[in-house]
C-alpha atoms as a PDB file:
ATOM      1  CA  MET A   1       9.478 -14.252  10.999  1.00  0.00           C
ATOM      2  CA  LEU A   2       8.416 -13.777   7.438  1.00  0.00           C
ATOM      3  CA  GLY A   3       5.285 -15.831   6.932  1.00  0.00           C
ATOM      4  CA  ASN A   4       5.641 -19.382   8.164  1.00  0.00           C
ATOM      5  CA  GLN A   5       9.226 -19.534   7.086  1.00  0.00           C
ATOM      6  CA  VAL A   6      11.337 -22.107   8.883  1.00  0.00           C
ATOM      7  CA  VAL A   7      15.063 -21.829   8.488  1.00  0.00           C
ATOM      8  CA  GLN A   8      17.040 -24.961   9.172  1.00  0.00           C
ATOM      9  CA  SER A   9      20.623 -23.982   9.574  1.00  0.00           C
ATOM     10  CA  ASP A  10      23.348 -23.640  12.134  1.00  0.00           C
ATOM     11  CA  THR A  11      23.678 -20.004  11.096  1.00  0.00           C
ATOM     12  CA  PRO A  12      21.825 -17.621  13.427  1.00  0.00           C
ATOM     13  CA  LEU A  13      18.837 -15.904  11.904  1.00  0.00           C
ATOM     14  CA  GLN A  14      19.477 -12.207  11.278  1.00  0.00           C
ATOM     15  CA  VAL A  15      16.687  -9.684  11.637  1.00  0.00           C
ATOM     16  CA  VAL A  16      16.110  -7.154   8.854  1.00  0.00           C
ATOM     17  CA  ALA A  17      16.749  -3.653  10.217  1.00  0.00           C
ATOM     18  CA  PRO A  18      13.892  -1.118   9.900  1.00  0.00           C
ATOM     19  CA  ALA A  19      15.845   1.178   7.556  1.00  0.00           C
ATOM     20  CA  GLU A  20      16.716  -1.749   5.299  1.00  0.00           C
ATOM     21  CA  LEU A  21      13.097  -2.922   5.321  1.00  0.00           C
ATOM     22  CA  THR A  22      11.974   0.521   4.156  1.00  0.00           C
ATOM     23  CA  GLN A  23      14.578   0.437   1.368  1.00  0.00           C
ATOM     24  CA  LEU A  24      13.430  -3.022   0.285  1.00  0.00           C
ATOM     25  CA  LEU A  25       9.815  -1.843   0.194  1.00  0.00           C
ATOM     26  CA  THR A  26      10.852   1.161  -1.890  1.00  0.00           C
ATOM     27  CA  ARG A  27      12.504  -1.230  -4.351  1.00  0.00           C
ATOM     28  CA  LEU A  28       9.333  -3.352  -4.495  1.00  0.00           C
ATOM     29  CA  GLN A  29       7.295  -0.198  -5.031  1.00  0.00           C
ATOM     30  CA  GLN A  30       9.531   0.825  -7.939  1.00  0.00           C
ATOM     31  CA  MET A  31       9.342  -2.672  -9.437  1.00  0.00           C
ATOM     32  CA  GLN A  32       5.563  -2.494  -9.830  1.00  0.00           C
ATOM     33  CA  PRO A  33       4.498  -2.246 -13.463  1.00  0.00           C
ATOM     34  CA  GLN A  34       3.244   1.167 -14.527  1.00  0.00           C
ATOM     35  CA  VAL A  35      -0.036  -0.210 -15.854  1.00  0.00           C
ATOM     36  CA  ALA A  36      -2.176  -2.083 -13.380  1.00  0.00           C
ATOM     37  CA  ASP A  37      -4.947  -4.447 -14.326  1.00  0.00           C
ATOM     38  CA  ALA A  38      -7.679  -5.817 -12.125  1.00  0.00           C
ATOM     39  CA  GLY A  39      -5.761  -9.009 -11.362  1.00  0.00           C
ATOM     40  CA  GLU A  40      -2.922  -7.029  -9.845  1.00  0.00           C
ATOM     41  CA  ALA A  41      -4.940  -5.541  -6.990  1.00  0.00           C
ATOM     42  CA  GLY A  42      -4.208  -8.315  -4.530  1.00  0.00           C
ATOM     43  CA  THR A  43      -0.457  -8.578  -4.940  1.00  0.00           C
ATOM     44  CA  ASP A  44       1.430 -10.787  -2.506  1.00  0.00           C
ATOM     45  CA  VAL A  45       3.521  -8.094  -0.842  1.00  0.00           C
ATOM     46  CA  LYS A  46       4.673 -10.395   1.932  1.00  0.00           C
ATOM     47  CA  GLY A  47       5.768 -13.112  -0.495  1.00  0.00           C
ATOM     48  CA  ASN A  48       7.522 -10.627  -2.773  1.00  0.00           C
ATOM     49  CA  LEU A  49       9.263  -9.063   0.221  1.00  0.00           C
ATOM     50  CA  ALA A  50      10.390 -12.469   1.500  1.00  0.00           C
ATOM     51  CA  GLY A  51      11.849 -13.270  -1.906  1.00  0.00           C
ATOM     52  CA  LEU A  52      13.696  -9.955  -2.062  1.00  0.00           C
ATOM     53  CA  ILE A  53      15.062 -10.364   1.469  1.00  0.00           C
ATOM     54  CA  GLN A  54      16.391 -13.837   0.793  1.00  0.00           C
ATOM     55  CA  GLU A  55      17.690 -12.862  -2.648  1.00  0.00           C
ATOM     56  CA  GLU A  56      19.882 -10.173  -1.106  1.00  0.00           C
ATOM     57  CA  ALA A  57      20.933 -12.115   1.968  1.00  0.00           C
ATOM     58  CA  GLU A  58      24.103 -14.054   2.468  1.00  0.00           C
ATOM     59  CA  SER A  59      22.624 -15.759   5.499  1.00  0.00           C
ATOM     60  CA  PRO A  60      19.057 -16.590   6.588  1.00  0.00           C
ATOM     61  CA  ARG A  61      17.071 -13.473   7.513  1.00  0.00           C
ATOM     62  CA  ALA A  62      13.636 -12.628   8.779  1.00  0.00           C
ATOM     63  CA  LEU A  63      11.543  -9.719   9.962  1.00  0.00           C
ATOM     64  CA  ASN A  64      11.110  -8.919  13.607  1.00  0.00           C
ATOM     65  CA  ARG A  65       7.720  -9.806  15.094  1.00  0.00           C
ATOM     66  CA  ALA A  66       6.465  -6.181  15.215  1.00  0.00           C
ATOM     67  CA  ASP A  67       7.211  -5.558  11.524  1.00  0.00           C
ATOM     68  CA  ASP A  68       5.638  -8.886  10.589  1.00  0.00           C
ATOM     69  CA  ASP A  69       2.517  -7.921  12.557  1.00  0.00           C
ATOM     70  CA  VAL A  70       2.323  -4.555  10.765  1.00  0.00           C
ATOM     71  CA  ILE A  71       2.526  -6.320   7.394  1.00  0.00           C
ATOM     72  CA  ASN A  72      -0.248  -8.721   8.423  1.00  0.00           C
ATOM     73  CA  LEU A  73      -2.498  -5.919   9.695  1.00  0.00           C
ATOM     74  CA  LEU A  74      -2.046  -3.855   6.566  1.00  0.00           C
ATOM     75  CA  SER A  75      -2.710  -6.906   4.398  1.00  0.00           C
ATOM     76  CA  MET A  76      -5.974  -7.475   6.269  1.00  0.00           C
ATOM     77  CA  LEU A  77      -6.935  -3.815   5.790  1.00  0.00           C
ATOM     78  CA  PHE A  78      -6.376  -4.074   2.039  1.00  0.00           C
ATOM     79  CA  ASP A  79      -8.136  -7.443   1.875  1.00  0.00           C
ATOM     80  CA  PHE A  80     -11.163  -5.811   3.502  1.00  0.00           C
ATOM     81  CA  ILE A  81     -11.172  -2.916   1.022  1.00  0.00           C
ATOM     82  CA  LEU A  82     -10.491  -5.070  -2.026  1.00  0.00           C
ATOM     83  CA  ASP A  83     -13.196  -7.594  -1.065  1.00  0.00           C
ATOM     84  CA  ASP A  84     -15.887  -4.890  -1.232  1.00  0.00           C
ATOM     85  CA  ALA A  85     -18.294  -6.001  -3.962  1.00  0.00           C
ATOM     86  CA  GLU A  86     -19.400  -2.383  -4.557  1.00  0.00           C
ATOM     87  CA  LEU A  87     -15.902  -1.287  -5.508  1.00  0.00           C
ATOM     88  CA  PRO A  88     -15.311  -1.869  -9.251  1.00  0.00           C
ATOM     89  CA  SER A  89     -12.323  -3.993 -10.230  1.00  0.00           C
ATOM     90  CA  GLU A  90     -10.659  -1.102 -12.089  1.00  0.00           C
ATOM     91  CA  ILE A  91     -10.711   0.993  -8.912  1.00  0.00           C
ATOM     92  CA  LYS A  92      -9.583  -1.983  -6.793  1.00  0.00           C
ATOM     93  CA  ALA A  93      -6.578  -2.415  -9.076  1.00  0.00           C
ATOM     94  CA  ARG A  94      -5.530   1.207  -8.575  1.00  0.00           C
ATOM     95  CA  VAL A  95      -6.183   1.326  -4.833  1.00  0.00           C
ATOM     96  CA  GLY A  96      -4.433  -2.028  -4.392  1.00  0.00           C
ATOM     97  CA  ARG A  97      -1.224  -0.525  -5.736  1.00  0.00           C
ATOM     98  CA  LEU A  98      -1.037   1.628  -2.608  1.00  0.00           C
ATOM     99  CA  GLN A  99      -0.351  -1.359  -0.386  1.00  0.00           C
ATOM    100  CA  ILE A 100       3.453  -1.045  -0.464  1.00  0.00           C
ATOM    101  CA  PRO A 101       3.645   2.716   0.149  1.00  0.00           C
ATOM    102  CA  LEU A 102       1.079   2.459   2.939  1.00  0.00           C
ATOM    103  CA  LEU A 103       3.038  -0.398   4.444  1.00  0.00           C
ATOM    104  CA  LYS A 104       6.038   1.918   4.514  1.00  0.00           C
ATOM    105  CA  VAL A 105       3.888   4.549   6.204  1.00  0.00           C
ATOM    106  CA  ALA A 106       2.674   2.054   8.829  1.00  0.00           C
ATOM    107  CA  LEU A 107       6.241   0.943   9.543  1.00  0.00           C
ATOM    108  CA  LEU A 108       7.548   4.521   9.773  1.00  0.00           C
ATOM    109  CA  ASP A 109       4.627   5.956  11.732  1.00  0.00           C
ATOM    110  CA  LYS A 110       3.260   3.692  14.438  1.00  0.00           C
ATOM    111  CA  ALA A 111       0.213   5.986  14.775  1.00  0.00           C
ATOM    112  CA  PHE A 112      -1.088   4.772  11.398  1.00  0.00           C
ATOM    113  CA  PHE A 113      -3.351   2.083  12.885  1.00  0.00           C
ATOM    114  CA  ASN A 114      -4.330   4.001  16.032  1.00  0.00           C
ATOM    115  CA  ASP A 115      -5.178   7.359  14.468  1.00  0.00           C
ATOM    116  CA  GLN A 116      -8.312   7.371  12.316  1.00  0.00           C
ATOM    117  CA  GLU A 117      -7.351  10.882  11.216  1.00  0.00           C
ATOM    118  CA  HIS A 118      -3.960   9.746   9.913  1.00  0.00           C
ATOM    119  CA  PRO A 119      -3.458  11.439   6.504  1.00  0.00           C
ATOM    120  CA  ALA A 120      -2.527   8.211   4.702  1.00  0.00           C
ATOM    121  CA  ARG A 121      -5.557   6.379   6.114  1.00  0.00           C
ATOM    122  CA  GLN A 122      -7.812   9.281   5.209  1.00  0.00           C
ATOM    123  CA  LEU A 123      -6.512   9.257   1.635  1.00  0.00           C
ATOM    124  CA  LEU A 124      -7.021   5.503   1.313  1.00  0.00           C
ATOM    125  CA  ASN A 125     -10.561   5.786   2.692  1.00  0.00           C
ATOM    126  CA  SER A 126     -11.354   8.740   0.424  1.00  0.00           C
ATOM    127  CA  LEU A 127     -10.189   6.902  -2.693  1.00  0.00           C
ATOM    128  CA  ALA A 128     -12.142   3.758  -1.828  1.00  0.00           C
ATOM    129  CA  ARG A 129     -15.308   5.676  -0.892  1.00  0.00           C
ATOM    130  CA  ALA A 130     -15.208   7.785  -4.039  1.00  0.00           C
ATOM    131  CA  GLY A 131     -14.757   4.689  -6.189  1.00  0.00           C
ATOM    132  CA  ILE A 132     -17.821   2.874  -4.895  1.00  0.00           C
ATOM    133  CA  GLY A 133     -20.379   2.684  -7.653  1.00  0.00           C
ATOM    134  CA  TRP A 134     -18.066   4.099 -10.326  1.00  0.00           C
ATOM    135  CA  THR A 135     -18.669   2.864 -13.876  1.00  0.00           C
ATOM    136  CA  ARG A 136     -16.889   3.561 -17.141  1.00  0.00           C
ATOM    137  CA  GLU A 137     -20.139   4.883 -18.569  1.00  0.00           C
ATOM    138  CA  SER A 138     -20.630   7.427 -15.808  1.00  0.00           C
ATOM    139  CA  ASP A 139     -16.980   8.435 -15.422  1.00  0.00           C
ATOM    140  CA  ASP A 140     -16.653  12.172 -14.994  1.00  0.00           C
ATOM    141  CA  GLY A 141     -12.908  12.216 -14.465  1.00  0.00           C
ATOM    142  CA  LEU A 142     -12.950  10.302 -11.180  1.00  0.00           C
ATOM    143  CA  PHE A 143     -11.027   7.321 -12.513  1.00  0.00           C
ATOM    144  CA  GLY A 144      -8.297   9.550 -13.942  1.00  0.00           C
ATOM    145  CA  ARG A 145      -8.041  11.484 -10.691  1.00  0.00           C
ATOM    146  CA  ILE A 146      -7.782   8.288  -8.622  1.00  0.00           C
ATOM    147  CA  GLU A 147      -5.100   7.021 -10.978  1.00  0.00           C
ATOM    148  CA  GLN A 148      -3.293  10.362 -10.734  1.00  0.00           C
ATOM    149  CA  VAL A 149      -3.271  10.200  -6.921  1.00  0.00           C
ATOM    150  CA  VAL A 150      -2.060   6.589  -6.919  1.00  0.00           C
ATOM    151  CA  TYR A 151       0.815   7.392  -9.289  1.00  0.00           C
ATOM    152  CA  ALA A 152       1.700  10.467  -7.228  1.00  0.00           C
ATOM    153  CA  VAL A 153       2.039   8.206  -4.184  1.00  0.00           C
ATOM    154  CA  LEU A 154       3.954   5.525  -6.068  1.00  0.00           C
ATOM    155  CA  ASN A 155       6.362   7.997  -7.648  1.00  0.00           C
ATOM    156  CA  GLY A 156       6.545  10.692  -5.002  1.00  0.00           C
ATOM    157  CA  PHE A 157       6.440   9.067  -1.591  1.00  0.00           C
ATOM    158  CA  PRO A 158       9.915   8.482  -0.257  1.00  0.00           C
ATOM    159  CA  ASP A 159       9.334   8.429   3.508  1.00  0.00           C
ATOM    160  CA  ASP A 160       7.621  11.717   4.426  1.00  0.00           C
ATOM    161  CA  VAL A 161       4.170  10.966   5.812  1.00  0.00           C
ATOM    162  CA  THR A 162       2.983  14.580   5.485  1.00  0.00           C
ATOM    163  CA  PHE A 163       3.009  14.020   1.720  1.00  0.00           C
ATOM    164  CA  PHE A 164      -0.432  12.412   2.132  1.00  0.00           C
ATOM    165  CA  GLU A 165      -1.996  15.516   3.697  1.00  0.00           C
ATOM    166  CA  GLN A 166      -1.612  17.527   0.496  1.00  0.00           C
ATOM    167  CA  LEU A 167      -2.800  14.681  -1.736  1.00  0.00           C
ATOM    168  CA  ASN A 168      -5.846  14.099   0.445  1.00  0.00           C
ATOM    169  CA  ALA A 169      -6.726  17.812   0.484  1.00  0.00           C
ATOM    170  CA  GLU A 170      -6.479  17.979  -3.315  1.00  0.00           C
ATOM    171  CA  PHE A 171      -8.531  14.817  -3.777  1.00  0.00           C
ATOM    172  CA  ALA A 172     -11.163  16.013  -1.275  1.00  0.00           C
ATOM    173  CA  ALA A 173     -11.467  19.288  -3.206  1.00  0.00           C
ATOM    174  CA  PHE A 174     -11.928  17.328  -6.445  1.00  0.00           C
ATOM    175  CA  VAL A 175     -14.635  15.129  -4.871  1.00  0.00           C
ATOM    176  CA  ALA A 176     -16.412  18.166  -3.388  1.00  0.00           C
ATOM    177  CA  GLU A 177     -16.439  19.909  -6.772  1.00  0.00           C
ATOM    178  CA  ARG A 178     -17.656  16.707  -8.418  1.00  0.00           C
ATOM    179  CA  GLU A 179     -20.505  16.393  -5.910  1.00  0.00           C
ATOM    180  CA  LYS A 180     -21.519  20.010  -6.515  1.00  0.00           C
ATOM    181  CA  ARG A 181     -21.975  19.247 -10.207  1.00  0.00           C
END
């Protein structure tokens, strides 16, 4: 089910197929505004997805339980990151924009939650860790690099999970060079 949605109808409830769910998430990802502000970090992905599903449906539809669980788990993960008081709101806004692509990753690759070394999880953790304590006054290019990585994910991630390995390696090299200075 999608949220606490109750469908009252004689029409049987159709389940959204995994491939269609991925396509719908890609559409949501493309619909995100190019400029994010701090208030955008906690977008209601589940609500937006429910609206898109029902908008395109001729009959009542819902997610299967496993996909719904993945959405809930990923939402909790982002809530945890975005509730961190040490992470500045500007960084939260950028990192928060990764929720839809990482949801696609979690749906495509069931190892996402079980594998702490998963490339997409590592990238998310690296971005959040690097952003802790960042300020505009002390910015040495970190904000721009985080934004660059986020836009690369938003614009370049179709459904190939290995895409995150390269981004994480490049970001790790940037952070290492930054720490050397």
